Amino acid sequence: MIKGNITELKVLFYLAILWSITSCASTKADQQPMLRHIVSLQFKEEVSEEQQARAIQIFWDLKDKIPEIKKFEGGANLRNDGRKDTFSHCFILTFESEAARDIYLPHPEHVKVVEANQPLLSDLLVVDIWGGK
């Protein structure tokens, strides 16, 4: 009976080691630097809320049309202190590499969004950084 328990403990021990090795490996993969494409924008004063919502939606829909986008997040600026030099919205698109971002930039779906939304904007700031260590 004791021998059977020891064998079961060995199996559990080896399973625990295997689990810890694989979970460490996935943690390292999750920590690989990812390229963050940050888009901050300000709509013109005359652009209605409906126009803004449509512009944001077609931008947001890119995540389902361009597979190189690994993550898409963002929304309206929550800061409301009356400053005129801030942006109304900010979005962060995550890519695995500069090459993936370079596929996204001239992608026909992205170009359509830029052409549709650019006339609605009074200001735009785009910054690319490495993040996710």
N, C-alpha and C. Protein backbone atom coordinates (compact mmCIF):
# COMPACT_ATOMS: atom_id res chain seq x y z
N MET A 1 0.81 -1.20 0.00
CA MET A 1 0.00 0.00 0.00
C MET A 1 0.86 1.26 0.00
N ILE A 2 1.94 1.25 0.79
CA ILE A 2 2.83 2.41 0.84
C ILE A 2 3.49 2.62 -0.50
N LYS A 3 3.92 1.52 -1.17
CA LYS A 3 4.58 1.63 -2.46
C LYS A 3 3.65 2.29 -3.49
N GLY A 4 2.37 1.93 -3.48
CA GLY A 4 1.39 2.53 -4.38
C GLY A 4 1.24 4.02 -4.14
N ASN A 5 1.23 4.42 -2.87
CA ASN A 5 1.12 5.83 -2.53
C ASN A 5 2.34 6.61 -2.98
N ILE A 6 3.53 6.01 -2.85
CA ILE A 6 4.77 6.67 -3.28
C ILE A 6 4.74 6.86 -4.79
N THR A 7 4.30 5.85 -5.53
CA THR A 7 4.21 5.97 -6.98
C THR A 7 3.24 7.08 -7.37
N GLU A 8 2.11 7.14 -6.71
CA GLU A 8 1.14 8.20 -6.99
C GLU A 8 1.74 9.57 -6.67
N LEU A 9 2.48 9.67 -5.57
CA LEU A 9 3.13 10.93 -5.22
C LEU A 9 4.16 11.33 -6.26
N LYS A 10 4.92 10.34 -6.77
CA LYS A 10 5.91 10.64 -7.81
C LYS A 10 5.22 11.18 -9.06
N VAL A 11 4.14 10.54 -9.45
CA VAL A 11 3.39 11.00 -10.63
C VAL A 11 2.90 12.43 -10.41
N LEU A 12 2.33 12.69 -9.25
CA LEU A 12 1.86 14.04 -8.94
C LEU A 12 3.01 15.04 -8.93
N PHE A 13 4.16 14.62 -8.37
CA PHE A 13 5.33 15.48 -8.33
C PHE A 13 5.79 15.83 -9.75
N TYR A 14 5.88 14.83 -10.62
CA TYR A 14 6.32 15.07 -12.00
C TYR A 14 5.30 15.93 -12.77
N LEU A 15 4.03 15.71 -12.51
CA LEU A 15 3.01 16.55 -13.13
C LEU A 15 3.14 18.00 -12.67
N ALA A 16 3.43 18.18 -11.38
CA ALA A 16 3.61 19.54 -10.86
C ALA A 16 4.81 20.21 -11.51
N ILE A 17 5.90 19.47 -11.69
CA ILE A 17 7.09 20.03 -12.35
C ILE A 17 6.77 20.39 -13.79
N LEU A 18 6.10 19.48 -14.49
CA LEU A 18 5.74 19.73 -15.88
C LEU A 18 4.85 20.96 -15.99
N TRP A 19 3.87 21.08 -15.10
CA TRP A 19 2.98 22.24 -15.11
C TRP A 19 3.77 23.53 -14.87
N SER A 20 4.70 23.51 -13.91
CA SER A 20 5.46 24.73 -13.62
C SER A 20 6.37 25.13 -14.77
N ILE A 21 6.94 24.15 -15.46
CA ILE A 21 7.79 24.45 -16.61
C ILE A 21 6.97 25.06 -17.74
N THR A 22 5.83 24.47 -18.03
CA THR A 22 5.01 24.99 -19.14
C THR A 22 4.40 26.33 -18.78
N SER A 23 4.04 26.55 -17.53
CA SER A 23 3.47 27.84 -17.18
C SER A 23 4.54 28.92 -17.20
N CYS A 24 5.77 28.59 -16.85
CA CYS A 24 6.87 29.56 -16.95
C CYS A 24 7.14 29.89 -18.41
N ALA A 25 7.09 28.91 -19.27
CA ALA A 25 7.32 29.15 -20.69
C ALA A 25 6.26 30.06 -21.27
N SER A 26 5.00 29.85 -20.91
CA SER A 26 3.95 30.71 -21.45
C SER A 26 4.06 32.11 -20.87
N THR A 27 4.52 32.23 -19.62
CA THR A 27 4.71 33.54 -19.03
C THR A 27 5.78 34.31 -19.79
N LYS A 28 6.88 33.64 -20.15
CA LYS A 28 7.93 34.30 -20.91
C LYS A 28 7.41 34.74 -22.26
N ALA A 29 6.61 33.91 -22.91
CA ALA A 29 6.05 34.28 -24.21
C ALA A 29 5.13 35.48 -24.07
N ASP A 30 4.36 35.52 -22.98
CA ASP A 30 3.45 36.64 -22.76
C ASP A 30 4.21 37.94 -22.49
N GLN A 31 5.46 37.82 -22.06
CA GLN A 31 6.24 39.00 -21.72
C GLN A 31 7.07 39.52 -22.88
N GLN A 32 6.95 38.92 -24.06
CA GLN A 32 7.70 39.41 -25.21
C GLN A 32 7.24 40.82 -25.54
N PRO A 33 8.16 41.71 -25.88
CA PRO A 33 7.75 43.07 -26.24
C PRO A 33 6.79 43.06 -27.42
N MET A 34 5.78 43.88 -27.33
CA MET A 34 4.80 44.03 -28.40
C MET A 34 4.80 45.50 -28.82
N LEU A 35 4.55 45.73 -30.09
CA LEU A 35 4.52 47.10 -30.59
C LEU A 35 3.14 47.70 -30.31
N ARG A 36 3.13 48.85 -29.67
CA ARG A 36 1.89 49.57 -29.37
C ARG A 36 1.78 50.75 -30.34
N HIS A 37 0.71 50.76 -31.09
CA HIS A 37 0.41 51.83 -32.05
C HIS A 37 -0.67 52.68 -31.38
N ILE A 38 -0.30 53.84 -30.89
CA ILE A 38 -1.20 54.68 -30.09
C ILE A 38 -1.73 55.81 -30.96
N VAL A 39 -3.05 55.89 -31.04
CA VAL A 39 -3.71 56.90 -31.87
C VAL A 39 -4.57 57.77 -30.97
N SER A 40 -4.20 59.05 -30.85
CA SER A 40 -4.99 60.01 -30.08
C SER A 40 -5.62 60.97 -31.07
N LEU A 41 -6.90 61.27 -30.86
CA LEU A 41 -7.58 62.13 -31.83
C LEU A 41 -8.53 63.09 -31.16
N GLN A 42 -8.81 64.16 -31.88
CA GLN A 42 -9.76 65.17 -31.44
C GLN A 42 -10.69 65.45 -32.61
N PHE A 43 -11.98 65.32 -32.37
CA PHE A 43 -12.95 65.63 -33.42
C PHE A 43 -13.15 67.14 -33.51
N LYS A 44 -13.49 67.60 -34.71
CA LYS A 44 -13.84 69.00 -34.89
C LYS A 44 -15.10 69.30 -34.07
N GLU A 45 -15.25 70.55 -33.65
CA GLU A 45 -16.39 70.93 -32.81
C GLU A 45 -17.72 70.67 -33.49
N GLU A 46 -17.77 70.84 -34.81
CA GLU A 46 -19.05 70.70 -35.52
C GLU A 46 -19.44 69.24 -35.79
N VAL A 47 -18.59 68.30 -35.45
CA VAL A 47 -18.89 66.88 -35.68
C VAL A 47 -19.86 66.39 -34.60
N SER A 48 -21.00 65.87 -35.03
CA SER A 48 -22.03 65.42 -34.09
C SER A 48 -21.60 64.16 -33.34
N GLU A 49 -22.30 63.88 -32.26
CA GLU A 49 -22.02 62.67 -31.49
C GLU A 49 -22.27 61.42 -32.33
N GLU A 50 -23.27 61.46 -33.20
CA GLU A 50 -23.56 60.32 -34.07
C GLU A 50 -22.42 60.09 -35.06
N GLN A 51 -21.89 61.17 -35.62
CA GLN A 51 -20.75 61.05 -36.53
C GLN A 51 -19.53 60.50 -35.80
N GLN A 52 -19.32 60.99 -34.59
CA GLN A 52 -18.19 60.49 -33.80
C GLN A 52 -18.35 59.00 -33.51
N ALA A 53 -19.55 58.60 -33.13
CA ALA A 53 -19.79 57.18 -32.82
C ALA A 53 -19.55 56.31 -34.04
N ARG A 54 -19.98 56.76 -35.20
CA ARG A 54 -19.77 56.00 -36.44
C ARG A 54 -18.28 55.92 -36.77
N ALA A 55 -17.58 57.03 -36.64
CA ALA A 55 -16.14 57.07 -36.93
C ALA A 55 -15.38 56.12 -36.01
N ILE A 56 -15.74 56.11 -34.75
CA ILE A 56 -15.09 55.23 -33.78
C ILE A 56 -15.42 53.78 -34.08
N GLN A 57 -16.65 53.50 -34.45
CA GLN A 57 -17.05 52.12 -34.72
C GLN A 57 -16.31 51.54 -35.92
N ILE A 58 -16.17 52.32 -37.00
CA ILE A 58 -15.47 51.76 -38.17
C ILE A 58 -13.99 51.57 -37.87
N PHE A 59 -13.44 52.42 -37.01
CA PHE A 59 -12.04 52.23 -36.59
C PHE A 59 -11.95 50.96 -35.74
N TRP A 60 -12.85 50.83 -34.78
CA TRP A 60 -12.87 49.68 -33.88
C TRP A 60 -13.04 48.37 -34.65
N ASP A 61 -13.81 48.40 -35.72
CA ASP A 61 -14.07 47.19 -36.52
C ASP A 61 -12.83 46.65 -37.21
N LEU A 62 -11.77 47.45 -37.29
CA LEU A 62 -10.54 46.97 -37.93
C LEU A 62 -9.98 45.73 -37.24
N LYS A 63 -10.22 45.60 -35.95
CA LYS A 63 -9.68 44.44 -35.21
C LYS A 63 -10.20 43.12 -35.76
N ASP A 64 -11.38 43.15 -36.37
CA ASP A 64 -11.96 41.94 -36.96
C ASP A 64 -11.62 41.77 -38.43
N LYS A 65 -11.00 42.78 -39.02
CA LYS A 65 -10.70 42.75 -40.46
C LYS A 65 -9.22 42.60 -40.77
N ILE A 66 -8.37 42.94 -39.81
CA ILE A 66 -6.92 42.90 -40.03
C ILE A 66 -6.31 41.99 -38.97
N PRO A 67 -5.93 40.78 -39.34
CA PRO A 67 -5.46 39.81 -38.34
C PRO A 67 -4.16 40.19 -37.64
N GLU A 68 -3.39 41.10 -38.20
CA GLU A 68 -2.14 41.52 -37.56
C GLU A 68 -2.40 42.29 -36.27
N ILE A 69 -3.60 42.84 -36.10
CA ILE A 69 -3.96 43.53 -34.86
C ILE A 69 -4.22 42.46 -33.80
N LYS A 70 -3.35 42.39 -32.81
CA LYS A 70 -3.48 41.37 -31.76
C LYS A 70 -4.40 41.83 -30.63
N LYS A 71 -4.46 43.14 -30.42
CA LYS A 71 -5.32 43.68 -29.37
C LYS A 71 -5.70 45.10 -29.77
N PHE A 72 -6.92 45.48 -29.47
CA PHE A 72 -7.42 46.82 -29.79
C PHE A 72 -8.17 47.31 -28.56
N GLU A 73 -7.74 48.42 -28.02
CA GLU A 73 -8.40 48.97 -26.84
C GLU A 73 -8.40 50.48 -26.91
N GLY A 74 -9.27 51.10 -26.15
CA GLY A 74 -9.31 52.55 -26.13
C GLY A 74 -10.71 53.07 -25.97
N GLY A 75 -10.84 54.38 -26.14
CA GLY A 75 -12.14 55.01 -26.01
C GLY A 75 -12.00 56.48 -25.71
N ALA A 76 -13.08 57.04 -25.15
CA ALA A 76 -13.13 58.47 -24.85
C ALA A 76 -12.20 58.80 -23.69
N ASN A 77 -11.62 59.98 -23.76
CA ASN A 77 -10.76 60.50 -22.70
C ASN A 77 -11.63 60.78 -21.47
N LEU A 78 -11.28 60.20 -20.35
CA LEU A 78 -12.05 60.38 -19.12
C LEU A 78 -11.68 61.67 -18.39
N ARG A 79 -10.59 62.27 -18.77
CA ARG A 79 -10.14 63.51 -18.12
C ARG A 79 -11.02 64.66 -18.60
N ASN A 80 -11.60 65.36 -17.66
CA ASN A 80 -12.52 66.44 -18.00
C ASN A 80 -12.21 67.65 -17.13
N ASP A 81 -11.08 68.28 -17.41
CA ASP A 81 -10.70 69.43 -16.60
C ASP A 81 -10.77 70.74 -17.38
N GLY A 82 -11.44 70.71 -18.54
CA GLY A 82 -11.64 71.93 -19.31
C GLY A 82 -10.49 72.34 -20.20
N ARG A 83 -9.42 71.56 -20.23
CA ARG A 83 -8.28 71.91 -21.07
C ARG A 83 -8.66 71.76 -22.53
N LYS A 84 -8.18 72.68 -23.35
CA LYS A 84 -8.46 72.64 -24.78
C LYS A 84 -7.38 71.89 -25.55
N ASP A 85 -6.25 71.60 -24.91
CA ASP A 85 -5.12 71.00 -25.63
C ASP A 85 -5.03 69.49 -25.41
N THR A 86 -6.13 68.86 -25.03
CA THR A 86 -6.13 67.41 -24.87
C THR A 86 -6.89 66.76 -26.02
N PHE A 87 -6.78 65.47 -26.12
CA PHE A 87 -7.47 64.72 -27.16
C PHE A 87 -8.75 64.11 -26.57
N SER A 88 -9.77 63.98 -27.41
CA SER A 88 -11.05 63.46 -26.93
C SER A 88 -11.05 61.94 -26.83
N HIS A 89 -10.22 61.26 -27.65
CA HIS A 89 -10.21 59.80 -27.70
C HIS A 89 -8.78 59.30 -27.87
N CYS A 90 -8.54 58.10 -27.37
CA CYS A 90 -7.24 57.47 -27.54
C CYS A 90 -7.45 55.97 -27.73
N PHE A 91 -6.69 55.40 -28.68
CA PHE A 91 -6.79 53.98 -28.97
C PHE A 91 -5.39 53.38 -29.01
N ILE A 92 -5.28 52.15 -28.55
CA ILE A 92 -4.00 51.44 -28.56
C ILE A 92 -4.19 50.14 -29.32
N LEU A 93 -3.47 50.00 -30.41
CA LEU A 93 -3.49 48.78 -31.21
C LEU A 93 -2.17 48.06 -30.95
N THR A 94 -2.24 46.78 -30.69
CA THR A 94 -1.05 46.00 -30.36
C THR A 94 -0.70 45.07 -31.51
N PHE A 95 0.58 45.09 -31.88
CA PHE A 95 1.11 44.25 -32.96
C PHE A 95 2.29 43.46 -32.42
N GLU A 96 2.54 42.29 -33.02
CA GLU A 96 3.68 41.47 -32.60
C GLU A 96 5.01 42.03 -33.05
N SER A 97 5.00 42.84 -34.11
CA SER A 97 6.26 43.33 -34.66
C SER A 97 6.03 44.57 -35.52
N GLU A 98 7.13 45.21 -35.88
CA GLU A 98 7.03 46.33 -36.81
C GLU A 98 6.53 45.85 -38.17
N ALA A 99 6.93 44.65 -38.55
CA ALA A 99 6.48 44.08 -39.83
C ALA A 99 4.96 43.93 -39.84
N ALA A 100 4.38 43.49 -38.73
CA ALA A 100 2.92 43.36 -38.64
C ALA A 100 2.26 44.73 -38.73
N ARG A 101 2.82 45.72 -38.05
CA ARG A 101 2.30 47.09 -38.14
C ARG A 101 2.41 47.60 -39.56
N ASP A 102 3.50 47.26 -40.24
CA ASP A 102 3.71 47.71 -41.62
C ASP A 102 2.73 47.07 -42.60
N ILE A 103 2.18 45.93 -42.26
CA ILE A 103 1.11 45.33 -43.07
C ILE A 103 -0.19 46.09 -42.83
N TYR A 104 -0.43 46.47 -41.58
CA TYR A 104 -1.65 47.19 -41.19
C TYR A 104 -1.75 48.57 -41.85
N LEU A 105 -0.66 49.33 -41.84
CA LEU A 105 -0.72 50.73 -42.28
C LEU A 105 -1.28 50.90 -43.69
N PRO A 106 -0.80 50.18 -44.72
CA PRO A 106 -1.36 50.36 -46.07
C PRO A 106 -2.54 49.42 -46.37
N HIS A 107 -2.97 48.65 -45.38
CA HIS A 107 -4.07 47.71 -45.59
C HIS A 107 -5.30 48.47 -46.11
N PRO A 108 -5.97 47.97 -47.13
CA PRO A 108 -7.12 48.68 -47.71
C PRO A 108 -8.21 49.04 -46.69
N GLU A 109 -8.46 48.18 -45.71
CA GLU A 109 -9.48 48.49 -44.69
C GLU A 109 -9.03 49.66 -43.81
N HIS A 110 -7.75 49.71 -43.48
CA HIS A 110 -7.23 50.83 -42.69
C HIS A 110 -7.28 52.12 -43.50
N VAL A 111 -6.90 52.04 -44.75
CA VAL A 111 -6.92 53.23 -45.62
C VAL A 111 -8.35 53.78 -45.72
N LYS A 112 -9.35 52.92 -45.84
CA LYS A 112 -10.75 53.36 -45.88
C LYS A 112 -11.13 54.13 -44.62
N VAL A 113 -10.70 53.62 -43.47
CA VAL A 113 -11.02 54.28 -42.20
C VAL A 113 -10.34 55.65 -42.13
N VAL A 114 -9.09 55.72 -42.53
CA VAL A 114 -8.37 56.99 -42.52
C VAL A 114 -9.07 58.00 -43.43
N GLU A 115 -9.41 57.57 -44.63
CA GLU A 115 -10.07 58.48 -45.59
C GLU A 115 -11.43 58.94 -45.09
N ALA A 116 -12.17 58.06 -44.42
CA ALA A 116 -13.49 58.42 -43.91
C ALA A 116 -13.42 59.34 -42.69
N ASN A 117 -12.44 59.11 -41.83
CA ASN A 117 -12.39 59.82 -40.56
C ASN A 117 -11.55 61.10 -40.57
N GLN A 118 -10.56 61.17 -41.42
CA GLN A 118 -9.66 62.33 -41.39
C GLN A 118 -10.38 63.68 -41.51
N PRO A 119 -11.39 63.81 -42.38
CA PRO A 119 -12.08 65.10 -42.48
C PRO A 119 -12.84 65.49 -41.20
N LEU A 120 -13.08 64.56 -40.32
CA LEU A 120 -13.82 64.83 -39.08
C LEU A 120 -12.92 65.29 -37.94
N LEU A 121 -11.61 65.21 -38.13
CA LEU A 121 -10.66 65.46 -37.05
C LEU A 121 -10.04 66.84 -37.11
N SER A 122 -9.89 67.43 -35.93
CA SER A 122 -9.15 68.69 -35.84
C SER A 122 -7.71 68.44 -35.43
N ASP A 123 -7.44 67.29 -34.83
CA ASP A 123 -6.08 66.97 -34.41
C ASP A 123 -5.92 65.46 -34.32
N LEU A 124 -4.69 65.02 -34.57
CA LEU A 124 -4.37 63.59 -34.55
C LEU A 124 -2.92 63.43 -34.13
N LEU A 125 -2.67 62.49 -33.25
CA LEU A 125 -1.31 62.17 -32.83
C LEU A 125 -1.16 60.66 -32.85
N VAL A 126 -0.15 60.17 -33.57
CA VAL A 126 0.11 58.74 -33.65
C VAL A 126 1.53 58.49 -33.15
N VAL A 127 1.66 57.57 -32.21
CA VAL A 127 2.96 57.23 -31.62
C VAL A 127 3.08 55.72 -31.58
N ASP A 128 4.24 55.20 -31.96
CA ASP A 128 4.52 53.77 -31.86
C ASP A 128 5.61 53.55 -30.81
N ILE A 129 5.36 52.63 -29.89
CA ILE A 129 6.33 52.32 -28.85
C ILE A 129 6.39 50.81 -28.66
N TRP A 130 7.48 50.34 -28.05
CA TRP A 130 7.58 48.94 -27.65
C TRP A 130 7.11 48.85 -26.22
N GLY A 131 6.28 47.88 -25.92
CA GLY A 131 5.80 47.70 -24.56
C GLY A 131 5.54 46.24 -24.27
N GLY A 132 5.15 45.96 -23.06
CA GLY A 132 4.73 44.62 -22.68
C GLY A 132 5.82 43.73 -22.13
N LYS A 133 6.87 44.30 -21.56
CA LYS A 133 7.93 43.47 -20.99
C LYS A 133 7.47 42.75 -19.78
